[in-house]
Amino acid sequence: MDKQKLRELERRIDEVLFYVWDPIGVSDIPAARGEYSSYTMTILTYVLEEDLKKIASQLSKIESSSMGLTTNEIKNMKIAELLVDFKHAVEEELK
């Protein structure tokens, strides 16, 4: 994947984490826009590998270890699937 597509995928992962995953419910607060950005690169690594279990597991780990929340494994697997779908869309240059 070239650098431009990689940046696009990174942007989309960041947006999905904020607007869709959003375990602490801050997506309606503009000032909190960067809340999950520190997790983007780790998730990107697993998305590039297309490893759904690792993506979902990492999201659950963040929820439990970093945020002290109960994990939502079903939602995390759906987020993992969405992120891999975005990877394919970026690769195929789909909007």
C-alpha atoms as a PDB file:
ATOM      1  CA  MET A   1       0.000   0.000   0.000  1.00  0.00           C
ATOM      2  CA  ASP A   2       1.451   3.383  -0.980  1.00  0.00           C
ATOM      3  CA  LYS A   3       1.901   6.256   1.487  1.00  0.00           C
ATOM      4  CA  GLN A   4      -1.157   8.187   0.306  1.00  0.00           C
ATOM      5  CA  LYS A   5      -3.443   5.173   0.733  1.00  0.00           C
ATOM      6  CA  LEU A   6      -1.842   4.400   4.088  1.00  0.00           C
ATOM      7  CA  ARG A   7      -2.584   7.947   5.303  1.00  0.00           C
ATOM      8  CA  GLU A   8      -6.166   7.639   4.050  1.00  0.00           C
ATOM      9  CA  LEU A   9      -6.612   4.340   5.884  1.00  0.00           C
ATOM     10  CA  GLU A  10      -5.125   5.854   9.044  1.00  0.00           C
ATOM     11  CA  ARG A  11      -7.588   8.776   8.788  1.00  0.00           C
ATOM     12  CA  ARG A  12     -10.518   6.412   8.348  1.00  0.00           C
ATOM     13  CA  ILE A  13      -9.459   4.275  11.322  1.00  0.00           C
ATOM     14  CA  ASP A  14      -9.227   7.391  13.467  1.00  0.00           C
ATOM     15  CA  GLU A  15     -12.710   8.452  12.359  1.00  0.00           C
ATOM     16  CA  VAL A  16     -14.212   5.015  13.023  1.00  0.00           C
ATOM     17  CA  LEU A  17     -12.674   4.901  16.496  1.00  0.00           C
ATOM     18  CA  PHE A  18     -14.126   8.323  17.320  1.00  0.00           C
ATOM     19  CA  TYR A  19     -17.496   8.281  15.601  1.00  0.00           C
ATOM     20  CA  VAL A  20     -18.450   4.585  15.658  1.00  0.00           C
ATOM     21  CA  TRP A  21     -16.485   2.730  18.360  1.00  0.00           C
ATOM     22  CA  ASP A  22     -16.526   5.601  20.935  1.00  0.00           C
ATOM     23  CA  PRO A  23     -16.690   3.527  24.154  1.00  0.00           C
ATOM     24  CA  ILE A  24     -16.752   6.564  26.453  1.00  0.00           C
ATOM     25  CA  GLY A  25     -19.408   8.428  24.457  1.00  0.00           C
ATOM     26  CA  VAL A  26     -17.595  11.618  23.443  1.00  0.00           C
ATOM     27  CA  SER A  27     -18.231  11.662  19.689  1.00  0.00           C
ATOM     28  CA  ASP A  28     -20.685  14.557  20.049  1.00  0.00           C
ATOM     29  CA  ILE A  29     -18.063  16.764  21.759  1.00  0.00           C
ATOM     30  CA  PRO A  30     -15.892  18.520  19.143  1.00  0.00           C
ATOM     31  CA  ALA A  31     -13.171  19.297  21.706  1.00  0.00           C
ATOM     32  CA  ALA A  32     -12.720  15.547  22.298  1.00  0.00           C
ATOM     33  CA  ARG A  33     -11.984  14.788  18.617  1.00  0.00           C
ATOM     34  CA  GLY A  34      -8.494  13.423  19.354  1.00  0.00           C
ATOM     35  CA  GLU A  35      -9.620  11.215  22.240  1.00  0.00           C
ATOM     36  CA  TYR A  36      -8.783   7.901  20.547  1.00  0.00           C
ATOM     37  CA  SER A  37      -6.067   9.043  18.140  1.00  0.00           C
ATOM     38  CA  SER A  38      -3.303   7.504  20.253  1.00  0.00           C
ATOM     39  CA  TYR A  39      -4.722   4.056  19.438  1.00  0.00           C
ATOM     40  CA  THR A  40      -4.878   4.536  15.669  1.00  0.00           C
ATOM     41  CA  MET A  41      -1.403   3.293  14.744  1.00  0.00           C
ATOM     42  CA  THR A  42      -1.699   0.111  16.805  1.00  0.00           C
ATOM     43  CA  ILE A  43      -5.061  -0.667  15.242  1.00  0.00           C
ATOM     44  CA  LEU A  44      -3.653   0.185  11.796  1.00  0.00           C
ATOM     45  CA  THR A  45      -1.021  -2.524  12.194  1.00  0.00           C
ATOM     46  CA  TYR A  46      -3.686  -5.178  12.768  1.00  0.00           C
ATOM     47  CA  VAL A  47      -5.932  -3.805  10.016  1.00  0.00           C
ATOM     48  CA  LEU A  48      -3.072  -4.128   7.533  1.00  0.00           C
ATOM     49  CA  GLU A  49      -2.747  -7.770   8.594  1.00  0.00           C
ATOM     50  CA  GLU A  50      -6.550  -8.154   8.255  1.00  0.00           C
ATOM     51  CA  ASP A  51      -6.554  -9.954  11.593  1.00  0.00           C
ATOM     52  CA  LEU A  52     -10.105  -9.471  12.864  1.00  0.00           C
ATOM     53  CA  LYS A  53      -9.461 -11.248  16.157  1.00  0.00           C
ATOM     54  CA  LYS A  54      -6.413  -9.111  16.939  1.00  0.00           C
ATOM     55  CA  ILE A  55      -8.256  -5.895  16.070  1.00  0.00           C
ATOM     56  CA  ALA A  56     -11.243  -6.808  18.244  1.00  0.00           C
ATOM     57  CA  SER A  57      -8.975  -8.050  21.026  1.00  0.00           C
ATOM     58  CA  GLN A  58      -6.969  -4.808  21.000  1.00  0.00           C
ATOM     59  CA  LEU A  59     -10.149  -2.735  21.157  1.00  0.00           C
ATOM     60  CA  SER A  60     -11.329  -4.822  24.112  1.00  0.00           C
ATOM     61  CA  LYS A  61      -7.943  -4.443  25.796  1.00  0.00           C
ATOM     62  CA  ILE A  62      -8.119  -0.664  25.411  1.00  0.00           C
ATOM     63  CA  GLU A  63     -11.648  -0.623  26.860  1.00  0.00           C
ATOM     64  CA  SER A  64     -10.733  -2.725  29.875  1.00  0.00           C
ATOM     65  CA  SER A  65      -7.115  -1.791  30.632  1.00  0.00           C
ATOM     66  CA  SER A  66      -6.911   1.833  29.533  1.00  0.00           C
ATOM     67  CA  MET A  67     -10.469   2.949  30.223  1.00  0.00           C
ATOM     68  CA  GLY A  68     -11.607   0.633  33.008  1.00  0.00           C
ATOM     69  CA  LEU A  69     -14.751  -0.284  31.080  1.00  0.00           C
ATOM     70  CA  THR A  70     -16.519  -3.567  30.485  1.00  0.00           C
ATOM     71  CA  THR A  71     -15.639  -4.796  27.021  1.00  0.00           C
ATOM     72  CA  ASN A  72     -18.176  -5.039  24.233  1.00  0.00           C
ATOM     73  CA  GLU A  73     -16.784  -7.972  22.254  1.00  0.00           C
ATOM     74  CA  ILE A  74     -19.635  -8.163  19.741  1.00  0.00           C
ATOM     75  CA  LYS A  75     -19.349  -4.466  18.903  1.00  0.00           C
ATOM     76  CA  ASN A  76     -15.561  -4.718  18.755  1.00  0.00           C
ATOM     77  CA  MET A  77     -15.752  -7.539  16.205  1.00  0.00           C
ATOM     78  CA  LYS A  78     -18.165  -5.461  14.096  1.00  0.00           C
ATOM     79  CA  ILE A  79     -15.727  -2.526  14.282  1.00  0.00           C
ATOM     80  CA  ALA A  80     -12.893  -4.869  13.231  1.00  0.00           C
ATOM     81  CA  GLU A  81     -14.918  -6.001  10.210  1.00  0.00           C
ATOM     82  CA  LEU A  82     -15.721  -2.390   9.293  1.00  0.00           C
ATOM     83  CA  LEU A  83     -12.061  -1.404   9.498  1.00  0.00           C
ATOM     84  CA  VAL A  84     -10.977  -4.249   7.228  1.00  0.00           C
ATOM     85  CA  ASP A  85     -13.753  -3.267   4.797  1.00  0.00           C
ATOM     86  CA  PHE A  86     -12.322   0.277   4.799  1.00  0.00           C
ATOM     87  CA  LYS A  87      -8.870  -1.162   4.076  1.00  0.00           C
ATOM     88  CA  HIS A  88     -10.250  -2.899   0.993  1.00  0.00           C
ATOM     89  CA  ALA A  89     -12.077   0.266  -0.098  1.00  0.00           C
ATOM     90  CA  VAL A  90      -8.899   2.333   0.223  1.00  0.00           C
ATOM     91  CA  GLU A  91      -6.895  -0.274  -1.684  1.00  0.00           C
ATOM     92  CA  GLU A  92      -9.480  -0.243  -4.473  1.00  0.00           C
ATOM     93  CA  GLU A  93      -9.739   3.553  -4.304  1.00  0.00           C
ATOM     94  CA  LEU A  94     -13.427   3.455  -3.489  1.00  0.00           C
ATOM     95  CA  LYS A  95     -15.011   6.322  -1.606  1.00  0.00           C
END
